[in-house]
């Protein structure tokens, strides 16, 4: 495998473990938004931009009709950090774009910026108002030992391992130049969230 091949290969990992308790206990991946299931919307967006697509779920039986690779959390009920870990374990790429299935918007310029800045880093993370946005970010498989150690020490926050890896943080000014409304970080937890997001689509 040449260095050039490693540099240009990118897997996209979709975390689809949300149970949607505030959406009538529907598996979030199969919530309809703008006429499509969230998972189908995500796949359509990322398929042409990725060498490989991985769906991380604890209910693989729901995805028997999907051709994408399925990864199951190594331990259940451990949150998105476990999802990232399981996705990275299943990936054949050094660098991986990680996103959540309930984040329906995708700004290609921001995605490209992350991808173009990941070669020398283990993680590339947007930061908005002092808060990390770890579910629209790129991680390398080099993060696996640090994530594993964080989970062993019961540090379950997604950002708990970042100080142990070489990370690049994208500041808010740069983010707004690429994604002015910062829609890439919107997630859908309630019916109200869905209605507001669909209104944004209609305005666009």
N, C-alpha and C. Protein backbone atom coordinates (compact mmCIF):
# COMPACT_ATOMS: atom_id res chain seq x y z
N UNK A 1 0.86 -1.19 0.00
CA UNK A 1 0.00 0.00 0.00
C UNK A 1 0.89 1.24 0.00
N UNK A 2 0.77 2.08 -1.02
CA UNK A 2 1.62 3.26 -1.12
C UNK A 2 1.14 4.35 -0.18
N UNK A 3 2.06 5.28 0.14
CA UNK A 3 1.68 6.40 1.01
C UNK A 3 0.60 7.24 0.36
N UNK A 4 0.67 7.41 -0.96
CA UNK A 4 -0.33 8.20 -1.66
C UNK A 4 -1.70 7.57 -1.54
N UNK A 5 -1.75 6.23 -1.63
CA UNK A 5 -3.02 5.51 -1.52
C UNK A 5 -3.61 5.68 -0.12
N UNK A 6 -2.79 5.57 0.90
CA UNK A 6 -3.25 5.75 2.27
C UNK A 6 -3.80 7.15 2.46
N UNK A 7 -3.09 8.15 1.91
CA UNK A 7 -3.50 9.54 2.09
C UNK A 7 -4.87 9.80 1.49
N UNK A 8 -5.14 9.22 0.34
CA UNK A 8 -6.36 9.54 -0.39
C UNK A 8 -7.53 8.63 -0.06
N UNK A 9 -7.31 7.62 0.76
CA UNK A 9 -8.37 6.69 1.09
C UNK A 9 -9.11 7.17 2.32
N UNK A 10 -10.42 7.30 2.23
CA UNK A 10 -11.21 7.78 3.37
C UNK A 10 -12.46 6.92 3.52
N UNK A 11 -12.63 6.38 4.71
CA UNK A 11 -13.87 5.67 5.04
C UNK A 11 -14.79 6.62 5.80
N UNK A 12 -16.08 6.51 5.55
CA UNK A 12 -17.06 7.26 6.32
C UNK A 12 -17.77 6.29 7.27
N UNK A 13 -17.84 6.67 8.53
CA UNK A 13 -18.46 5.86 9.57
C UNK A 13 -19.71 6.57 10.05
N UNK A 14 -20.85 5.91 9.93
CA UNK A 14 -22.13 6.49 10.36
C UNK A 14 -22.54 5.82 11.67
N UNK A 15 -22.64 6.62 12.72
CA UNK A 15 -23.08 6.09 14.01
C UNK A 15 -24.61 6.07 14.02
N UNK A 16 -25.18 4.88 14.07
CA UNK A 16 -26.63 4.73 13.94
C UNK A 16 -27.23 4.05 15.17
N UNK A 17 -26.64 4.29 16.32
CA UNK A 17 -27.11 3.60 17.52
C UNK A 17 -28.20 4.30 18.29
N UNK A 18 -28.60 5.50 17.84
CA UNK A 18 -29.61 6.25 18.58
C UNK A 18 -30.97 5.56 18.58
N UNK A 19 -31.62 5.54 19.74
CA UNK A 19 -32.89 4.83 19.87
C UNK A 19 -34.11 5.71 19.62
N UNK A 20 -33.92 7.03 19.56
CA UNK A 20 -35.03 7.91 19.25
C UNK A 20 -36.14 7.87 20.28
N UNK A 21 -35.79 7.90 21.57
CA UNK A 21 -36.81 7.81 22.62
C UNK A 21 -37.77 8.99 22.59
N UNK A 22 -37.30 10.13 22.12
CA UNK A 22 -38.18 11.31 22.04
C UNK A 22 -38.87 11.41 20.68
N UNK A 23 -38.69 10.38 19.86
CA UNK A 23 -39.35 10.33 18.56
C UNK A 23 -40.24 9.10 18.45
N UNK A 24 -40.76 8.69 19.59
CA UNK A 24 -41.66 7.53 19.60
C UNK A 24 -40.95 6.21 19.61
N UNK A 25 -39.70 6.20 20.12
CA UNK A 25 -38.90 4.97 20.21
C UNK A 25 -38.64 4.33 18.85
N UNK A 26 -38.59 5.17 17.82
CA UNK A 26 -38.23 4.69 16.49
C UNK A 26 -36.71 4.71 16.38
N UNK A 27 -36.14 3.67 15.79
CA UNK A 27 -34.71 3.68 15.51
C UNK A 27 -34.41 4.93 14.67
N UNK A 28 -33.52 5.79 15.17
CA UNK A 28 -33.32 7.09 14.53
C UNK A 28 -32.96 6.98 13.06
N UNK A 29 -32.23 5.96 12.70
CA UNK A 29 -31.82 5.81 11.31
C UNK A 29 -33.02 5.74 10.37
N UNK A 30 -34.17 5.30 10.90
CA UNK A 30 -35.35 5.11 10.06
C UNK A 30 -36.44 6.15 10.33
N UNK A 31 -36.02 7.24 10.92
CA UNK A 31 -36.90 8.41 11.00
C UNK A 31 -36.90 9.08 9.63
N UNK A 32 -38.10 9.46 9.15
CA UNK A 32 -38.21 10.11 7.84
C UNK A 32 -37.96 11.61 7.97
N UNK A 33 -37.06 12.10 7.12
CA UNK A 33 -36.76 13.53 7.08
C UNK A 33 -36.65 13.96 5.62
N UNK A 34 -37.42 14.97 5.24
CA UNK A 34 -37.40 15.48 3.87
C UNK A 34 -37.64 14.35 2.86
N UNK A 35 -38.56 13.44 3.23
CA UNK A 35 -38.97 12.39 2.30
C UNK A 35 -38.09 11.16 2.26
N UNK A 36 -37.04 11.10 3.10
CA UNK A 36 -36.15 9.94 3.10
C UNK A 36 -35.84 9.52 4.53
N UNK A 37 -35.54 8.24 4.70
CA UNK A 37 -34.98 7.82 5.98
C UNK A 37 -33.66 8.55 6.20
N UNK A 38 -33.37 8.86 7.46
CA UNK A 38 -32.10 9.54 7.75
C UNK A 38 -30.90 8.73 7.28
N UNK A 39 -30.94 7.41 7.45
CA UNK A 39 -29.82 6.57 7.03
C UNK A 39 -29.64 6.61 5.51
N UNK A 40 -30.74 6.61 4.76
CA UNK A 40 -30.64 6.65 3.30
C UNK A 40 -30.10 8.00 2.84
N UNK A 41 -30.52 9.04 3.51
CA UNK A 41 -30.02 10.38 3.19
C UNK A 41 -28.51 10.44 3.42
N UNK A 42 -28.06 9.87 4.53
CA UNK A 42 -26.65 9.90 4.88
C UNK A 42 -25.82 9.09 3.88
N UNK A 43 -26.30 7.92 3.54
CA UNK A 43 -25.59 7.07 2.59
C UNK A 43 -25.47 7.75 1.23
N UNK A 44 -26.56 8.34 0.76
CA UNK A 44 -26.55 9.01 -0.54
C UNK A 44 -25.54 10.16 -0.56
N UNK A 45 -25.41 10.86 0.56
CA UNK A 45 -24.49 11.98 0.65
C UNK A 45 -23.03 11.52 0.63
N UNK A 46 -22.75 10.44 1.36
CA UNK A 46 -21.35 10.06 1.61
C UNK A 46 -20.79 9.02 0.64
N UNK A 47 -21.65 8.35 -0.09
CA UNK A 47 -21.20 7.20 -0.88
C UNK A 47 -20.13 7.58 -1.89
N UNK A 48 -20.33 8.68 -2.60
CA UNK A 48 -19.38 9.07 -3.65
C UNK A 48 -18.12 9.74 -3.09
N UNK A 49 -18.14 10.04 -1.80
CA UNK A 49 -17.02 10.74 -1.19
C UNK A 49 -16.14 9.80 -0.37
N UNK A 50 -16.47 8.53 -0.35
CA UNK A 50 -15.81 7.60 0.56
C UNK A 50 -15.38 6.34 -0.18
N UNK A 51 -14.24 5.80 0.21
CA UNK A 51 -13.81 4.52 -0.31
C UNK A 51 -14.67 3.39 0.24
N UNK A 52 -15.13 3.58 1.48
CA UNK A 52 -15.91 2.56 2.18
C UNK A 52 -16.91 3.27 3.09
N UNK A 53 -18.08 2.66 3.27
CA UNK A 53 -19.07 3.16 4.22
C UNK A 53 -19.30 2.10 5.29
N UNK A 54 -19.30 2.52 6.55
CA UNK A 54 -19.55 1.61 7.67
C UNK A 54 -20.70 2.17 8.49
N UNK A 55 -21.68 1.34 8.78
CA UNK A 55 -22.78 1.70 9.67
C UNK A 55 -22.55 0.99 11.00
N UNK A 56 -22.46 1.77 12.07
CA UNK A 56 -22.29 1.19 13.40
C UNK A 56 -23.65 1.13 14.07
N UNK A 57 -24.08 -0.07 14.43
CA UNK A 57 -25.41 -0.26 15.01
C UNK A 57 -25.39 -1.45 15.95
N UNK A 58 -26.33 -1.46 16.88
CA UNK A 58 -26.52 -2.63 17.74
C UNK A 58 -27.71 -3.46 17.29
N UNK A 59 -28.30 -3.06 16.15
CA UNK A 59 -29.44 -3.81 15.61
C UNK A 59 -29.17 -4.13 14.13
N UNK A 60 -28.21 -4.99 13.88
CA UNK A 60 -27.83 -5.29 12.49
C UNK A 60 -28.95 -5.91 11.67
N UNK A 61 -29.93 -6.49 12.35
CA UNK A 61 -31.04 -7.12 11.63
C UNK A 61 -31.86 -6.10 10.84
N UNK A 62 -31.76 -4.84 11.20
CA UNK A 62 -32.50 -3.79 10.49
C UNK A 62 -31.83 -3.41 9.17
N UNK A 63 -30.63 -3.88 8.94
CA UNK A 63 -29.84 -3.41 7.80
C UNK A 63 -29.53 -4.54 6.81
N UNK A 64 -30.33 -5.59 6.82
CA UNK A 64 -30.06 -6.73 5.95
C UNK A 64 -30.18 -6.36 4.46
N UNK A 65 -30.92 -5.30 4.15
CA UNK A 65 -31.09 -4.89 2.75
C UNK A 65 -30.04 -3.88 2.31
N UNK A 66 -29.10 -3.57 3.18
CA UNK A 66 -28.06 -2.57 2.86
C UNK A 66 -26.76 -3.27 2.51
N UNK A 67 -26.08 -2.74 1.51
CA UNK A 67 -24.81 -3.33 1.06
C UNK A 67 -23.62 -2.79 1.84
N UNK A 68 -23.82 -1.73 2.62
CA UNK A 68 -22.73 -1.14 3.38
C UNK A 68 -22.25 -2.09 4.48
N UNK A 69 -21.00 -1.94 4.87
CA UNK A 69 -20.45 -2.77 5.93
C UNK A 69 -21.10 -2.41 7.26
N UNK A 70 -21.44 -3.40 8.06
CA UNK A 70 -22.07 -3.19 9.36
C UNK A 70 -21.07 -3.54 10.46
N UNK A 71 -20.95 -2.64 11.42
CA UNK A 71 -20.12 -2.89 12.60
C UNK A 71 -21.00 -2.81 13.83
N UNK A 72 -20.76 -3.69 14.77
CA UNK A 72 -21.54 -3.73 16.01
C UNK A 72 -20.65 -3.29 17.16
N UNK A 73 -21.21 -2.47 18.06
CA UNK A 73 -20.44 -2.03 19.22
C UNK A 73 -19.85 -3.21 19.96
N UNK A 74 -18.58 -3.09 20.33
CA UNK A 74 -17.94 -4.16 21.09
C UNK A 74 -18.60 -4.35 22.45
N UNK A 75 -19.11 -3.26 23.00
CA UNK A 75 -19.91 -3.32 24.23
C UNK A 75 -21.10 -2.41 24.05
N UNK A 76 -22.29 -2.86 24.45
CA UNK A 76 -23.49 -2.07 24.28
C UNK A 76 -23.66 -1.05 25.40
N UNK A 77 -24.49 -0.03 25.10
CA UNK A 77 -24.83 1.00 26.08
C UNK A 77 -23.61 1.78 26.57
N UNK A 78 -22.65 1.98 25.68
CA UNK A 78 -21.45 2.71 26.06
C UNK A 78 -21.34 4.07 25.37
N UNK A 79 -22.33 4.42 24.57
CA UNK A 79 -22.36 5.74 23.97
C UNK A 79 -21.54 5.86 22.69
N UNK A 80 -21.47 7.09 22.15
CA UNK A 80 -20.83 7.29 20.84
C UNK A 80 -19.33 7.03 20.82
N UNK A 81 -18.64 7.15 21.96
CA UNK A 81 -17.21 6.85 21.95
C UNK A 81 -16.98 5.39 21.56
N UNK A 82 -17.81 4.50 22.09
CA UNK A 82 -17.73 3.09 21.71
C UNK A 82 -18.06 2.92 20.23
N UNK A 83 -19.00 3.71 19.74
CA UNK A 83 -19.34 3.65 18.32
C UNK A 83 -18.17 4.04 17.44
N UNK A 84 -17.47 5.10 17.81
CA UNK A 84 -16.28 5.52 17.06
C UNK A 84 -15.24 4.41 17.09
N UNK A 85 -15.01 3.88 18.27
CA UNK A 85 -14.02 2.81 18.45
C UNK A 85 -14.36 1.60 17.57
N UNK A 86 -15.61 1.18 17.61
CA UNK A 86 -16.02 0.01 16.83
C UNK A 86 -15.92 0.27 15.34
N UNK A 87 -16.28 1.49 14.92
CA UNK A 87 -16.17 1.84 13.51
C UNK A 87 -14.72 1.86 13.04
N UNK A 88 -13.84 2.42 13.85
CA UNK A 88 -12.42 2.45 13.48
C UNK A 88 -11.83 1.05 13.40
N UNK A 89 -12.24 0.18 14.32
CA UNK A 89 -11.77 -1.20 14.28
C UNK A 89 -12.16 -1.89 12.98
N UNK A 90 -13.36 -1.58 12.47
CA UNK A 90 -13.87 -2.24 11.27
C UNK A 90 -13.34 -1.62 9.98
N UNK A 91 -12.72 -0.46 10.07
CA UNK A 91 -12.30 0.28 8.88
C UNK A 91 -11.00 -0.26 8.30
N UNK A 92 -10.91 -0.18 6.99
CA UNK A 92 -9.67 -0.53 6.29
C UNK A 92 -8.88 0.71 5.89
N UNK A 93 -9.34 1.89 6.32
CA UNK A 93 -8.68 3.15 5.99
C UNK A 93 -7.93 3.69 7.20
N UNK A 94 -6.86 4.41 6.95
CA UNK A 94 -6.17 5.09 8.03
C UNK A 94 -7.04 6.22 8.56
N UNK A 95 -7.57 7.05 7.67
CA UNK A 95 -8.39 8.19 8.08
C UNK A 95 -9.87 7.92 7.82
N UNK A 96 -10.70 8.40 8.76
CA UNK A 96 -12.12 8.08 8.75
C UNK A 96 -12.95 9.29 9.15
N UNK A 97 -13.94 9.60 8.32
CA UNK A 97 -14.90 10.64 8.66
C UNK A 97 -16.01 10.02 9.50
N UNK A 98 -16.27 10.59 10.66
CA UNK A 98 -17.28 10.05 11.58
C UNK A 98 -18.42 11.05 11.71
N UNK A 99 -19.63 10.55 11.58
CA UNK A 99 -20.81 11.40 11.72
C UNK A 99 -21.95 10.59 12.33
N UNK A 100 -22.94 11.29 12.84
CA UNK A 100 -24.10 10.62 13.44
C UNK A 100 -25.25 10.61 12.45
N UNK A 101 -26.05 9.57 12.48
CA UNK A 101 -27.13 9.42 11.52
C UNK A 101 -28.18 10.51 11.67
N UNK A 102 -28.31 11.09 12.88
CA UNK A 102 -29.35 12.10 13.11
C UNK A 102 -28.87 13.51 12.81
N UNK A 103 -27.75 13.66 12.11
CA UNK A 103 -27.27 14.98 11.67
C UNK A 103 -27.51 15.06 10.17
N UNK A 104 -28.65 15.64 9.75
CA UNK A 104 -29.10 15.49 8.36
C UNK A 104 -28.40 16.39 7.34
N UNK A 105 -27.74 17.43 7.82
CA UNK A 105 -27.12 18.37 6.88
C UNK A 105 -25.64 18.06 6.69
N UNK A 106 -25.16 18.40 5.52
CA UNK A 106 -23.77 18.08 5.17
C UNK A 106 -23.25 19.20 4.29
N UNK A 107 -22.19 19.85 4.74
CA UNK A 107 -21.61 20.91 3.92
C UNK A 107 -20.32 20.40 3.31
N UNK A 108 -20.31 20.29 2.00
CA UNK A 108 -19.19 19.68 1.30
C UNK A 108 -17.89 20.46 1.49
N UNK A 109 -17.97 21.79 1.57
CA UNK A 109 -16.75 22.57 1.74
C UNK A 109 -16.09 22.29 3.09
N UNK A 110 -16.89 22.15 4.13
CA UNK A 110 -16.35 21.85 5.45
C UNK A 110 -15.76 20.43 5.46
N UNK A 111 -16.48 19.50 4.88
CA UNK A 111 -15.99 18.13 4.78
C UNK A 111 -14.64 18.09 4.05
N UNK A 112 -14.55 18.78 2.92
CA UNK A 112 -13.32 18.80 2.14
C UNK A 112 -12.18 19.43 2.91
N UNK A 113 -12.49 20.46 3.68
CA UNK A 113 -11.45 21.11 4.49
C UNK A 113 -10.89 20.13 5.53
N UNK A 114 -11.77 19.41 6.19
CA UNK A 114 -11.33 18.40 7.16
C UNK A 114 -10.44 17.35 6.47
N UNK A 115 -10.91 16.89 5.33
CA UNK A 115 -10.18 15.85 4.62
C UNK A 115 -8.81 16.35 4.17
N UNK A 116 -8.76 17.58 3.70
CA UNK A 116 -7.50 18.13 3.19
C UNK A 116 -6.50 18.43 4.30
N UNK A 117 -6.95 18.43 5.55
CA UNK A 117 -6.08 18.77 6.67
C UNK A 117 -5.78 17.59 7.59
N UNK A 118 -6.14 16.39 7.15
CA UNK A 118 -6.04 15.26 8.07
C UNK A 118 -4.74 14.46 7.94
N UNK A 119 -3.99 14.69 6.89
CA UNK A 119 -2.86 13.81 6.59
C UNK A 119 -1.85 13.70 7.72
N UNK A 120 -1.58 14.80 8.41
CA UNK A 120 -0.54 14.81 9.44
C UNK A 120 -1.11 14.67 10.85
N UNK A 121 -2.40 14.39 10.97
CA UNK A 121 -3.04 14.38 12.29
C UNK A 121 -3.80 13.09 12.54
N UNK A 122 -3.98 12.81 13.83
CA UNK A 122 -4.80 11.66 14.23
C UNK A 122 -6.27 12.03 14.33
N UNK A 123 -6.57 13.31 14.52
CA UNK A 123 -7.96 13.76 14.62
C UNK A 123 -8.04 15.20 14.13
N UNK A 124 -9.11 15.51 13.42
CA UNK A 124 -9.38 16.89 12.98
C UNK A 124 -10.79 17.23 13.44
N UNK A 125 -10.89 18.18 14.38
CA UNK A 125 -12.14 18.41 15.10
C UNK A 125 -12.58 19.87 14.98
N UNK A 126 -13.81 20.14 14.52
CA UNK A 126 -14.33 21.51 14.57
C UNK A 126 -14.63 21.93 16.02
N UNK A 127 -14.47 23.22 16.30
CA UNK A 127 -14.78 23.76 17.62
C UNK A 127 -15.67 24.98 17.44
N UNK A 128 -16.85 24.97 18.07
CA UNK A 128 -17.82 26.06 17.95
C UNK A 128 -18.15 26.59 19.34
N UNK A 129 -17.94 27.87 19.56
CA UNK A 129 -18.21 28.52 20.85
C UNK A 129 -17.53 27.76 21.99
N UNK A 130 -16.32 27.33 21.73
CA UNK A 130 -15.55 26.62 22.75
C UNK A 130 -15.93 25.16 22.94
N UNK A 131 -16.89 24.69 22.17
CA UNK A 131 -17.34 23.29 22.29
C UNK A 131 -16.89 22.47 21.09
N UNK A 132 -16.38 21.27 21.36
CA UNK A 132 -15.99 20.37 20.28
C UNK A 132 -17.23 19.85 19.54
N UNK A 133 -17.06 19.61 18.25
CA UNK A 133 -18.10 18.98 17.43
C UNK A 133 -17.53 17.65 16.92
N UNK A 134 -17.48 16.63 17.78
CA UNK A 134 -16.75 15.40 17.46
C UNK A 134 -17.48 14.45 16.52
N UNK A 135 -18.73 14.78 16.14
CA UNK A 135 -19.46 13.89 15.25
C UNK A 135 -19.63 14.47 13.85
N UNK A 136 -18.78 15.42 13.53
CA UNK A 136 -18.55 15.84 12.14
C UNK A 136 -17.06 16.07 12.07
N UNK A 137 -16.30 14.98 12.13
CA UNK A 137 -14.86 15.07 12.35
C UNK A 137 -14.17 13.88 11.70
N UNK A 138 -12.85 13.98 11.60
CA UNK A 138 -12.04 12.90 11.04
C UNK A 138 -11.12 12.33 12.12
N UNK A 139 -11.04 11.01 12.16
CA UNK A 139 -10.18 10.31 13.11
C UNK A 139 -9.36 9.27 12.35
N UNK A 140 -8.13 9.08 12.77
CA UNK A 140 -7.32 8.01 12.19
C UNK A 140 -7.37 6.79 13.11
N UNK A 141 -6.99 5.66 12.56
CA UNK A 141 -6.94 4.45 13.36
C UNK A 141 -5.86 4.53 14.45
N UNK A 142 -4.97 5.52 14.33
CA UNK A 142 -3.97 5.73 15.39
C UNK A 142 -4.62 6.12 16.72
N UNK A 143 -5.90 6.52 16.67
CA UNK A 143 -6.62 6.90 17.89
C UNK A 143 -7.05 5.69 18.72
N UNK A 144 -7.03 4.50 18.12
CA UNK A 144 -7.59 3.33 18.79
C UNK A 144 -6.99 3.06 20.17
N UNK A 145 -5.67 3.07 20.35
CA UNK A 145 -5.14 2.82 21.70
C UNK A 145 -5.59 3.84 22.73
N UNK A 146 -5.63 5.12 22.33
CA UNK A 146 -6.04 6.17 23.26
C UNK A 146 -7.51 6.03 23.63
N UNK A 147 -8.36 5.67 22.65
CA UNK A 147 -9.78 5.47 22.94
C UNK A 147 -9.97 4.27 23.86
N UNK A 148 -9.25 3.20 23.56
CA UNK A 148 -9.36 2.00 24.39
C UNK A 148 -8.95 2.29 25.83
N UNK A 149 -7.89 3.06 25.99
CA UNK A 149 -7.44 3.41 27.34
C UNK A 149 -8.47 4.28 28.05
N UNK A 150 -9.06 5.22 27.33
CA UNK A 150 -10.09 6.09 27.92
C UNK A 150 -11.27 5.27 28.41
N UNK A 151 -11.69 4.29 27.63
CA UNK A 151 -12.84 3.47 28.03
C UNK A 151 -12.49 2.56 29.20
N UNK A 152 -11.27 2.06 29.23
CA UNK A 152 -10.85 1.24 30.38
C UNK A 152 -10.88 2.06 31.66
N UNK A 153 -10.56 3.35 31.54
CA UNK A 153 -10.55 4.23 32.71
C UNK A 153 -11.91 4.86 32.96
N UNK A 154 -12.93 4.38 32.23
CA UNK A 154 -14.31 4.84 32.39
C UNK A 154 -14.46 6.32 32.05
N UNK A 155 -13.64 6.79 31.11
CA UNK A 155 -13.78 8.16 30.62
C UNK A 155 -14.56 8.08 29.31
N UNK A 156 -15.88 8.19 29.43
CA UNK A 156 -16.74 7.89 28.29
C UNK A 156 -17.04 9.04 27.36
N UNK A 157 -16.62 10.26 27.71
CA UNK A 157 -16.89 11.39 26.82
C UNK A 157 -16.10 11.22 25.52
N UNK A 158 -16.71 11.63 24.42
CA UNK A 158 -16.05 11.46 23.12
C UNK A 158 -14.68 12.12 23.10
N UNK A 159 -14.58 13.29 23.73
CA UNK A 159 -13.33 14.06 23.65
C UNK A 159 -12.30 13.62 24.68
N UNK A 160 -12.59 12.59 25.46
CA UNK A 160 -11.73 12.24 26.59
C UNK A 160 -10.34 11.77 26.18
N UNK A 161 -10.18 11.36 24.94
CA UNK A 161 -8.88 10.82 24.51
C UNK A 161 -8.06 11.80 23.67
N UNK A 162 -8.62 12.96 23.34
CA UNK A 162 -7.99 13.84 22.36
C UNK A 162 -6.63 14.37 22.79
N UNK A 163 -6.44 14.55 24.10
CA UNK A 163 -5.15 15.04 24.57
C UNK A 163 -4.04 14.02 24.38
N UNK A 164 -4.41 12.78 24.11
CA UNK A 164 -3.42 11.70 23.97
C UNK A 164 -3.06 11.44 22.50
N UNK A 165 -3.67 12.19 21.57
CA UNK A 165 -3.37 12.01 20.16
C UNK A 165 -3.01 13.36 19.55
N UNK A 166 -2.49 13.32 18.34
CA UNK A 166 -2.13 14.54 17.63
C UNK A 166 -3.39 15.07 16.94
N UNK A 167 -3.96 16.12 17.50
CA UNK A 167 -5.25 16.63 17.01
C UNK A 167 -5.10 18.04 16.45
N UNK A 168 -5.86 18.31 15.42
CA UNK A 168 -5.96 19.65 14.85
C UNK A 168 -7.38 20.14 15.08
N UNK A 169 -7.52 21.37 15.59
CA UNK A 169 -8.83 21.92 15.90
C UNK A 169 -9.16 23.04 14.91
N UNK A 170 -10.35 22.97 14.33
CA UNK A 170 -10.79 23.95 13.35
C UNK A 170 -11.60 25.02 14.07
N UNK A 171 -11.14 26.28 14.00
CA UNK A 171 -11.79 27.33 14.77
C UNK A 171 -13.09 27.80 14.11
N UNK A 172 -13.88 28.52 14.90
CA UNK A 172 -15.21 28.92 14.45
C UNK A 172 -15.17 29.85 13.26
N UNK A 173 -14.19 30.73 13.21
CA UNK A 173 -14.07 31.66 12.08
C UNK A 173 -13.91 30.88 10.77
N UNK A 174 -13.04 29.89 10.78
CA UNK A 174 -12.84 29.08 9.58
C UNK A 174 -14.09 28.29 9.23
N UNK A 175 -14.74 27.74 10.25
CA UNK A 175 -15.97 26.97 10.01
C UNK A 175 -17.03 27.83 9.34
N UNK A 176 -17.23 29.06 9.82
CA UNK A 176 -18.26 29.94 9.27
C UNK A 176 -17.95 30.35 7.84
N UNK A 177 -16.69 30.39 7.49
CA UNK A 177 -16.32 30.70 6.11
C UNK A 177 -16.72 29.56 5.18
N UNK A 178 -16.75 28.36 5.71
CA UNK A 178 -17.06 27.16 4.92
C UNK A 178 -18.53 26.77 5.01
N UNK A 179 -19.10 26.87 6.19
CA UNK A 179 -20.49 26.49 6.46
C UNK A 179 -21.12 27.63 7.26
N UNK A 180 -21.52 28.71 6.59
CA UNK A 180 -21.93 29.94 7.28
C UNK A 180 -23.01 29.75 8.34
N UNK A 181 -23.97 28.88 8.10
CA UNK A 181 -25.05 28.65 9.06
C UNK A 181 -24.73 27.53 10.05
N UNK A 182 -23.58 26.90 9.85
CA UNK A 182 -23.13 25.78 10.70
C UNK A 182 -24.20 24.69 10.82
N UNK A 183 -24.85 24.43 9.69
CA UNK A 183 -25.90 23.40 9.67
C UNK A 183 -25.33 22.00 9.87
N UNK A 184 -24.06 21.83 9.55
CA UNK A 184 -23.45 20.50 9.63
C UNK A 184 -23.55 19.89 11.02
N UNK A 185 -23.74 20.74 12.04
CA UNK A 185 -23.73 20.26 13.42
C UNK A 185 -25.13 20.11 14.02
N UNK A 186 -26.16 20.37 13.23
CA UNK A 186 -27.53 20.23 13.72
C UNK A 186 -27.89 18.75 13.82
N UNK A 187 -28.49 18.38 14.95
CA UNK A 187 -28.98 17.00 15.07
C UNK A 187 -30.45 17.00 15.44
N UNK A 188 -31.11 15.89 15.15
CA UNK A 188 -32.56 15.78 15.31
C UNK A 188 -32.89 14.85 16.47
N UNK A 189 -33.42 15.44 17.53
CA UNK A 189 -33.78 14.64 18.71
C UNK A 189 -35.28 14.59 18.95
N UNK A 190 -36.01 15.59 18.43
CA UNK A 190 -37.44 15.69 18.69
C UNK A 190 -38.18 16.04 17.40
N UNK A 191 -39.51 15.92 17.44
CA UNK A 191 -40.33 16.32 16.29
C UNK A 191 -40.14 17.80 15.99
N UNK A 192 -39.97 18.61 17.04
CA UNK A 192 -39.73 20.04 16.84
C UNK A 192 -38.44 20.28 16.07
N UNK A 193 -37.39 19.52 16.42
CA UNK A 193 -36.12 19.63 15.69
C UNK A 193 -36.32 19.33 14.21
N UNK A 194 -37.10 18.29 13.93
CA UNK A 194 -37.33 17.88 12.54
C UNK A 194 -38.07 18.98 11.78
N UNK A 195 -39.11 19.55 12.40
CA UNK A 195 -39.89 20.60 11.73
C UNK A 195 -39.03 21.83 11.46
N UNK A 196 -38.20 22.20 12.44
CA UNK A 196 -37.33 23.36 12.26
C UNK A 196 -36.32 23.11 11.14
N UNK A 197 -35.76 21.89 11.09
CA UNK A 197 -34.79 21.57 10.06
C UNK A 197 -35.43 21.53 8.67
N UNK A 198 -36.65 21.03 8.59
CA UNK A 198 -37.34 21.00 7.30
C UNK A 198 -37.69 22.42 6.85
N UNK A 199 -37.96 23.31 7.79
CA UNK A 199 -38.19 24.71 7.45
C UNK A 199 -36.93 25.32 6.85
N UNK A 200 -35.78 24.96 7.39
CA UNK A 200 -34.52 25.46 6.87
C UNK A 200 -34.31 24.99 5.43
N UNK A 201 -34.69 23.75 5.12
CA UNK A 201 -34.57 23.24 3.76
C UNK A 201 -35.47 24.04 2.82
N UNK A 202 -36.69 24.29 3.24
CA UNK A 202 -37.64 25.01 2.42
C UNK A 202 -37.17 26.44 2.13
N UNK A 203 -36.56 27.05 3.15
CA UNK A 203 -36.04 28.43 2.96
C UNK A 203 -34.89 28.44 1.97
N UNK A 204 -34.07 27.38 2.04
CA UNK A 204 -32.94 27.31 1.11
C UNK A 204 -33.43 27.19 -0.31
